[in-house]
Each structure stands twice: as structure tokens, then as C-alpha cells.
């Protein structure tokens, strides 16, 4: 069942905290839910009577599909200072999982553990276990370069290479030796651009500089570059925060299409965006995972007070 939280155009760029007066659209009609003030009060009353959950305890509803990534007791330290505390989270395949929470809560830190991007940060230490298809990605036998081919990354701001559109997409397959013939590379580039919804806009100027594309087109190019190496997982760190509402809507449509083939994990500050694009949501606060479950349940029926307070805009 799809549902959407309708908010201002500013929020649809990925910025801003949740509005406690927003409503949820489900099945073509607007219904009061936990993000409306009336329903929030009802959830509050229920939470008042419930046993409070605090500290390291996590409220979790397990996913029903096959698990692609399983994190267990993952902690991250920067120069000895702990930024992430014992996070255990199952991420299902062919699903969009949204990581939400206030700035500095550990969302992006956790995202980077899944393709060992934290390895590039001096003084960073990661403990615990992260398994992809039951294989520990931090094992010494795992080459992080090859891992990042399997787990692609899309950053907050579009970062195309200062090369042609064609060369941007061909870069990954070339360095990983995935293709040999020029005709085969042409097919890979065309296929990746089509899957990223960009082919029709750039087919006649593949040799033009990627820097001449609009922001939204650049972000779709970066996604095409990521999927050109046939990854299994795509990580997205606030991919729409630097885009206008129209470009944001196009990226969100693309994410919804890509989840049929990939496991996608997205960090977002936008409650509306999390509701629109994800099927699973994990709420982080102060370096800890607080609550995780189906997105519909997290937004309509949160079981932890901190989750309710965050999605209704009381902090964040």
C-alpha cells in the first residue's frame, strides 16, 4: 500500500524537519495519521500507558523478504570518540530502506560502514559484523575496491567526473575490466543511462562534458555511473538535498524503479521523502538505532516516543 506525506515544495528538496500538521495520502484519500496533530495525540496517549523504551533497547519489526545486509553490534569510533553504538539492523534485498534521524545521529556514519568508506578516514575504527549475503565485508580477504563495485554510493551533491557523459558511465566498467570491445562498452553505457532515465536527454551529446548538465541530470548520471558496474546494493546519502522539487521528484521516481533490481539504502532528513520512496525505515538518535520497521508502521504507529517526537517535528 503506497502512501505519501504532502508538504511544502521546500521540503521536497530534502530539507527541513517534519511538520506536525501534515497529512498522509493513502489509496487516493487523505487520512489523519501519526503525522497529524489529532492522530499524534492518540498515539501519545497509547505511548504514555506503554512501558517506556530507552537506552540501548531497539524496537524492531523484522523484514519479511530475503536479507541482503545484516549488521550486528556495529560501533564506529573517530579518534577514540564513539559515534555509533552497537547497531544491529537487517536490510532486505530489492527494497528501499530509509535511515532517518536528526543531524549528527549516525545515519551517514552507518551508511558508510556498508561499503567500507570509513576505511578512508584516518583514526576511524569500526567494530561488530556486517555481512552481505552471509559474507563478512570487513574480513581481511575482502578487497574494499571490489566491494565498492558491489555496493555503489551516491553522495549528497552530484559529483560527475570532469569528463564526457560517455566517459563518466564507462569509467567503472573500464577500470574493473568488465568489458573489452568498444561496441560492448557502448551497450553498457546506453543500458545504464536508460536505467537511470537519462538516455533520451543525452543520447545525442554523449561526448559533451558532464559538467554542462543540470544538477538533477548530473545526479542521474552519477546513478548511471554507479549501476554501470552491476552493483548489488546502492547507498544514497541525501541524494536530493541539493536539488529543486522537480529534479527531486524525478530522482524519487528513479529510486522506485531501481528497487526492482537493487537493494537501496537512503539517508534522508525529509520525512516526506522517506514516506514516498521507502518500504522500510530505521530511526537513529544520538548514535543509536531506536526503532525500525515497515515505513507504513513507523509513520502511522510508532512504538517509541522518540520516534513519534521526531516525525512530528518536536526535535530534529
Protein backbone atom coordinates (compact mmCIF):
# COMPACT_ATOMS: atom_id res chain seq x y z
CA UNK A 1 0.00 0.00 0.00
CA UNK A 2 1.51 3.35 -1.05
CA UNK A 3 1.18 6.49 0.97
CA UNK A 4 2.51 9.99 0.66
CA UNK A 5 3.06 12.83 3.07
CA UNK A 6 2.28 16.11 1.33
CA UNK A 7 4.31 19.10 2.42
CA UNK A 8 5.78 22.30 1.06
CA UNK A 9 7.93 22.47 -2.07
CA UNK A 10 10.90 23.35 0.15
CA UNK A 11 10.68 20.01 1.94
CA UNK A 12 10.54 18.11 -1.33
CA UNK A 13 14.14 19.17 -1.93
CA UNK A 14 15.07 17.00 1.02
CA UNK A 15 15.48 19.77 3.62
CA UNK A 16 13.57 20.69 6.73
CA UNK A 17 12.00 19.00 9.73
CA UNK A 18 8.62 17.35 9.80
CA UNK A 19 5.51 19.47 10.13
CA UNK A 20 3.12 18.19 12.84
CA UNK A 21 0.13 19.35 10.79
CA UNK A 22 0.98 17.40 7.63
CA UNK A 23 -1.34 14.65 6.41
CA UNK A 24 -0.85 11.29 4.79
CA UNK A 25 -2.36 10.29 1.47
CA UNK A 26 -3.12 6.60 1.16
CA UNK A 27 -5.10 4.84 -1.52
CA UNK A 28 -6.22 8.13 -3.09
CA UNK A 29 -7.67 9.70 0.04
CA UNK A 30 -6.22 11.88 2.78
CA UNK A 31 -6.30 10.23 6.16
CA UNK A 32 -5.26 11.57 9.56
CA UNK A 33 -2.24 9.61 10.71
CA UNK A 34 0.52 9.82 13.29
CA UNK A 35 1.87 12.86 11.49
CA UNK A 36 -1.35 14.82 12.01
CA UNK A 37 -1.81 16.57 15.35
CA UNK A 38 -5.03 14.70 16.25
CA UNK A 39 -3.66 11.24 15.50
CA UNK A 40 -0.34 12.13 17.12
CA UNK A 41 -2.22 12.86 20.34
CA UNK A 42 -3.87 9.43 20.17
CA UNK A 43 -0.50 7.74 19.66
CA UNK A 44 0.90 9.83 22.52
CA UNK A 45 -1.81 8.57 24.86
CA UNK A 46 -1.02 5.00 23.94
CA UNK A 47 2.70 5.56 24.45
CA UNK A 48 2.04 7.13 27.85
CA UNK A 49 0.44 3.86 29.00
CA UNK A 50 3.12 1.69 27.45
CA UNK A 51 6.34 0.62 29.11
CA UNK A 52 8.95 3.19 28.01
CA UNK A 53 11.81 2.03 25.84
CA UNK A 54 15.13 3.71 26.49
CA UNK A 55 18.86 3.19 26.34
CA UNK A 56 20.24 0.51 24.00
CA UNK A 57 16.94 -1.35 23.57
CA UNK A 58 15.68 -1.25 19.98
CA UNK A 59 12.05 -1.50 18.92
CA UNK A 60 12.21 -3.63 15.79
CA UNK A 61 9.83 -5.31 13.39
CA UNK A 62 11.82 -7.74 11.21
CA UNK A 63 11.54 -7.58 7.41
CA UNK A 64 9.70 -10.36 5.61
CA UNK A 65 11.86 -10.64 2.47
CA UNK A 66 15.34 -12.09 1.99
CA UNK A 67 18.07 -10.20 3.86
CA UNK A 68 20.84 -8.65 1.75
CA UNK A 69 22.84 -6.96 4.52
CA UNK A 70 22.87 -7.95 8.18
CA UNK A 71 24.61 -5.64 10.65
CA UNK A 72 25.29 -6.88 14.17
CA UNK A 73 26.55 -4.75 17.06
CA UNK A 74 28.23 -2.24 14.76
CA UNK A 75 30.04 0.59 16.54
CA UNK A 76 32.14 3.34 14.99
CA UNK A 77 34.84 5.43 16.66
CA UNK A 78 36.58 8.56 15.37
CA UNK A 79 39.91 9.10 17.11
CA UNK A 80 38.60 7.11 20.06
CA UNK A 81 35.31 9.02 20.32
CA UNK A 82 32.28 6.77 19.78
CA UNK A 83 29.85 7.94 17.09
CA UNK A 84 27.74 4.79 16.62
CA UNK A 85 26.65 2.39 19.35
CA UNK A 86 26.02 -1.33 18.78
CA UNK A 87 23.72 -1.02 15.77
CA UNK A 88 22.05 -4.24 14.63
CA UNK A 89 19.89 -3.93 11.53
CA UNK A 90 18.67 -6.26 8.77
CA UNK A 91 18.34 -4.71 5.31
CA UNK A 92 16.19 -6.67 2.84
CA UNK A 93 17.00 -7.11 -0.83
CA UNK A 94 15.11 -5.29 -3.60
CA UNK A 95 13.71 -2.83 -1.09
CA UNK A 96 14.33 0.83 -0.26
CA UNK A 97 15.38 1.25 3.36
CA UNK A 98 15.36 4.84 4.66
CA UNK A 99 17.64 5.91 7.50
CA UNK A 100 16.12 8.90 9.30
CA UNK A 101 17.02 10.98 12.33
CA UNK A 102 18.39 14.40 13.31
CA UNK A 103 21.76 15.70 12.10
CA UNK A 104 24.71 14.01 13.75
CA UNK A 105 22.73 10.94 14.84
CA UNK A 106 24.89 8.42 12.95
CA UNK A 107 22.85 7.81 9.76
CA UNK A 108 25.63 8.62 7.29
CA UNK A 109 28.24 7.00 9.50
CA UNK A 110 26.28 3.76 9.43
CA UNK A 111 25.68 4.07 5.67
CA UNK A 112 29.44 4.30 5.07
CA UNK A 113 30.10 1.12 7.02
CA UNK A 114 28.29 -0.86 4.33
CA UNK A 115 30.92 -0.22 1.65
CA UNK A 116 33.85 0.47 3.99
CA UNK A 117 34.08 4.15 3.08
CA UNK A 118 35.09 4.75 6.70
CA UNK A 119 38.34 2.96 5.88
CA UNK A 120 39.41 6.13 4.08
CA UNK A 121 39.06 8.27 7.24
CA UNK A 122 42.17 8.48 9.43
CA UNK A 123 41.52 7.48 13.03
CA UNK A 124 38.25 5.70 12.26
CA UNK A 125 37.61 2.29 13.79
CA UNK A 126 34.64 0.02 13.08
CA UNK A 127 33.72 -2.92 15.30
CA UNK A 128 30.96 -5.52 15.01
CA UNK A 129 29.97 -7.53 11.96
CA UNK A 130 28.39 -6.54 8.66
CA UNK A 131 27.52 -9.42 6.38
CA UNK A 132 26.38 -9.18 2.78
CA UNK A 133 24.93 -12.48 1.59
CA UNK A 134 26.32 -14.01 4.81
CA UNK A 135 29.88 -12.87 3.98
CA UNK A 136 31.63 -10.52 6.42
CA UNK A 137 32.59 -7.46 4.37
CA UNK A 138 35.29 -6.50 6.89
CA UNK A 139 37.11 -9.79 6.56
CA UNK A 140 40.75 -9.37 5.55
CA UNK A 141 40.13 -11.42 2.41
CA UNK A 142 37.67 -8.82 1.08
CA UNK A 143 39.13 -6.24 -1.29
CA UNK A 144 37.41 -2.91 -0.47
CA UNK A 145 37.76 -1.75 -4.09
CA UNK A 146 35.86 -4.79 -5.34
CA UNK A 147 33.37 -4.39 -2.50
CA UNK A 148 32.59 -0.84 -3.66
CA UNK A 149 31.84 -2.19 -7.11
CA UNK A 150 29.21 -4.39 -5.48
CA UNK A 151 27.98 -1.61 -3.19
CA UNK A 152 27.67 1.64 -5.13
CA UNK A 153 27.47 5.06 -3.49
CA UNK A 154 25.59 8.23 -4.47
CA UNK A 155 26.54 11.30 -2.47
CA UNK A 156 24.67 14.37 -1.28
CA UNK A 157 25.85 16.60 -4.11
CA UNK A 158 26.26 15.37 -7.69
CA UNK A 159 29.92 14.59 -8.32
CA UNK A 160 30.39 13.78 -12.01
CA UNK A 161 33.96 13.47 -13.25
CA UNK A 162 35.21 16.38 -15.40
CA UNK A 163 34.93 14.14 -18.42
CA UNK A 164 32.35 13.47 -21.11
CA UNK A 165 28.98 11.94 -20.29
CA UNK A 166 30.09 8.74 -22.01
CA UNK A 167 33.38 8.54 -20.10
CA UNK A 168 31.62 9.06 -16.77
CA UNK A 169 29.48 5.97 -17.27
CA UNK A 170 32.24 3.92 -18.91
CA UNK A 171 34.76 4.63 -16.13
CA UNK A 172 33.70 1.86 -13.73
CA UNK A 173 33.34 -0.96 -16.27
CA UNK A 174 36.69 0.07 -17.75
CA UNK A 175 38.74 0.05 -14.52
CA UNK A 176 37.14 -3.19 -13.35
CA UNK A 177 37.76 -4.87 -16.71
CA UNK A 178 34.11 -5.75 -17.19
CA UNK A 179 34.12 -5.12 -20.94
CA UNK A 180 36.73 -5.28 -23.67
CA UNK A 181 35.22 -4.29 -27.01
CA UNK A 182 34.12 -0.75 -27.83
CA UNK A 183 30.74 -1.98 -29.06
CA UNK A 184 30.19 -3.80 -25.77
CA UNK A 185 31.05 -0.65 -23.83
CA UNK A 186 28.59 1.33 -25.95
CA UNK A 187 25.87 -1.11 -24.93
CA UNK A 188 26.79 -0.84 -21.23
CA UNK A 189 26.71 2.96 -21.36
CA UNK A 190 23.37 3.05 -23.15
CA UNK A 191 21.82 0.50 -20.80
CA UNK A 192 22.99 2.36 -17.66
CA UNK A 193 21.75 5.70 -18.95
CA UNK A 194 18.38 4.18 -19.84
CA UNK A 195 18.01 2.62 -16.39
CA UNK A 196 18.86 6.00 -14.88
CA UNK A 197 16.20 7.69 -17.01
CA UNK A 198 18.73 9.91 -18.78
CA UNK A 199 19.29 8.34 -22.19
CA UNK A 200 16.69 10.29 -24.14
CA UNK A 201 18.06 13.59 -22.77
CA UNK A 202 21.73 12.95 -23.60
CA UNK A 203 21.83 10.37 -26.40
CA UNK A 204 22.85 12.98 -28.98
CA UNK A 205 25.62 14.53 -26.86
CA UNK A 206 27.44 11.69 -25.15
CA UNK A 207 30.81 13.27 -25.87
CA UNK A 208 29.82 16.58 -24.25
CA UNK A 209 31.13 17.47 -20.80
CA UNK A 210 29.10 16.09 -17.91
CA UNK A 211 29.65 19.40 -16.15
CA UNK A 212 27.22 21.02 -18.60
CA UNK A 213 24.27 19.00 -17.30
CA UNK A 214 21.76 20.39 -14.81
CA UNK A 215 22.01 19.36 -11.16
CA UNK A 216 19.25 16.79 -11.46
CA UNK A 217 20.76 15.37 -14.65
CA UNK A 218 24.17 15.18 -13.01
CA UNK A 219 22.73 13.20 -10.11
CA UNK A 220 21.04 10.78 -12.51
CA UNK A 221 24.37 10.50 -14.36
CA UNK A 222 26.09 9.61 -11.10
CA UNK A 223 23.43 6.94 -10.52
CA UNK A 224 24.02 5.64 -14.06
CA UNK A 225 27.76 5.54 -13.29
CA UNK A 226 27.04 3.52 -10.15
CA UNK A 227 24.78 0.96 -11.82
CA UNK A 228 27.06 0.54 -14.88
CA UNK A 229 29.18 -1.95 -12.89
CA UNK A 230 26.09 -4.01 -11.99
CA UNK A 231 26.19 -3.48 -8.21
CA UNK A 232 24.03 -5.43 -5.81
CA UNK A 233 23.43 -2.54 -3.41
CA UNK A 234 23.11 1.22 -3.93
CA UNK A 235 23.75 3.56 -1.00
CA UNK A 236 22.38 7.10 -1.26
CA UNK A 237 23.40 9.84 1.18
CA UNK A 238 20.72 12.56 0.91
CA UNK A 239 20.74 12.37 -2.90
CA UNK A 240 18.09 15.09 -3.33
CA UNK A 241 19.18 17.68 -0.75
CA UNK A 242 20.86 19.88 -3.38
CA UNK A 243 18.07 19.55 -5.97
CA UNK A 244 14.91 21.51 -6.77
CA UNK A 245 11.46 19.90 -6.33
CA UNK A 246 11.13 18.84 -9.98
CA UNK A 247 14.56 17.17 -10.03
CA UNK A 248 13.80 15.61 -6.64
CA UNK A 249 10.57 14.08 -7.97
CA UNK A 250 12.46 12.58 -10.92
CA UNK A 251 15.12 11.05 -8.67
CA UNK A 252 12.42 9.62 -6.39
CA UNK A 253 10.66 8.02 -9.37
CA UNK A 254 14.00 6.57 -10.44
CA UNK A 255 14.63 5.13 -6.96
CA UNK A 256 11.23 3.45 -7.06
CA UNK A 257 12.08 1.88 -10.42
CA UNK A 258 15.57 0.78 -9.38
CA UNK A 259 14.41 -1.07 -6.27
CA UNK A 260 13.02 -3.80 -8.51
CA UNK A 261 16.63 -4.75 -9.28
CA UNK A 262 18.72 -3.43 -6.39
CA UNK A 263 18.86 -3.23 -2.62
CA UNK A 264 18.75 0.52 -1.88
CA UNK A 265 19.58 2.31 1.36
CA UNK A 266 18.89 6.04 1.52
CA UNK A 267 19.74 8.62 4.17
CA UNK A 268 17.24 11.48 4.24
CA UNK A 269 16.26 14.33 6.53
CA UNK A 270 12.88 14.60 4.80
CA UNK A 271 10.06 12.70 6.46
CA UNK A 272 8.00 13.18 3.29
CA UNK A 273 10.72 11.67 1.15
CA UNK A 274 11.17 8.68 3.45
CA UNK A 275 7.42 8.04 3.28
CA UNK A 276 7.36 8.37 -0.51
CA UNK A 277 10.28 6.20 -1.52
CA UNK A 278 10.93 3.59 1.18
CA UNK A 279 9.33 0.36 2.29
CA UNK A 280 11.47 0.05 5.44
CA UNK A 281 12.57 2.82 7.82
CA UNK A 282 15.18 2.89 10.57
CA UNK A 283 15.21 5.79 13.06
CA UNK A 284 18.55 6.81 14.58
CA UNK A 285 19.09 9.13 17.56
CA UNK A 286 22.35 10.10 19.25
CA UNK A 287 24.32 7.35 17.60
CA UNK A 288 21.85 4.58 18.41
CA UNK A 289 19.23 2.75 16.39
CA UNK A 290 15.94 3.44 18.18
CA UNK A 291 13.23 1.85 16.04
CA UNK A 292 13.00 0.01 12.76
CA UNK A 293 10.12 -1.49 10.83
CA UNK A 294 7.91 -1.13 7.78
CA UNK A 295 7.69 2.54 6.76
CA UNK A 296 3.91 2.49 7.00
CA UNK A 297 4.10 1.33 10.63
CA UNK A 298 6.85 3.77 11.61
CA UNK A 299 4.87 6.78 10.38
CA UNK A 300 1.37 5.66 11.35
CA UNK A 301 2.01 3.73 14.52
CA UNK A 302 5.46 4.40 16.05
CA UNK A 303 6.11 2.33 19.16
CA UNK A 304 8.82 4.51 20.69
CA UNK A 305 8.22 8.05 21.97
CA UNK A 306 11.42 9.42 20.45
CA UNK A 307 10.27 8.21 17.04
CA UNK A 308 6.94 9.99 17.40
CA UNK A 309 8.60 13.17 18.64
CA UNK A 310 10.95 13.20 15.68
CA UNK A 311 8.43 12.53 12.91
CA UNK A 312 6.07 15.14 14.35
CA UNK A 313 8.83 17.76 14.36
CA UNK A 314 9.34 18.17 18.12
CA UNK A 315 13.07 17.86 17.64
CA UNK A 316 15.43 17.38 14.75
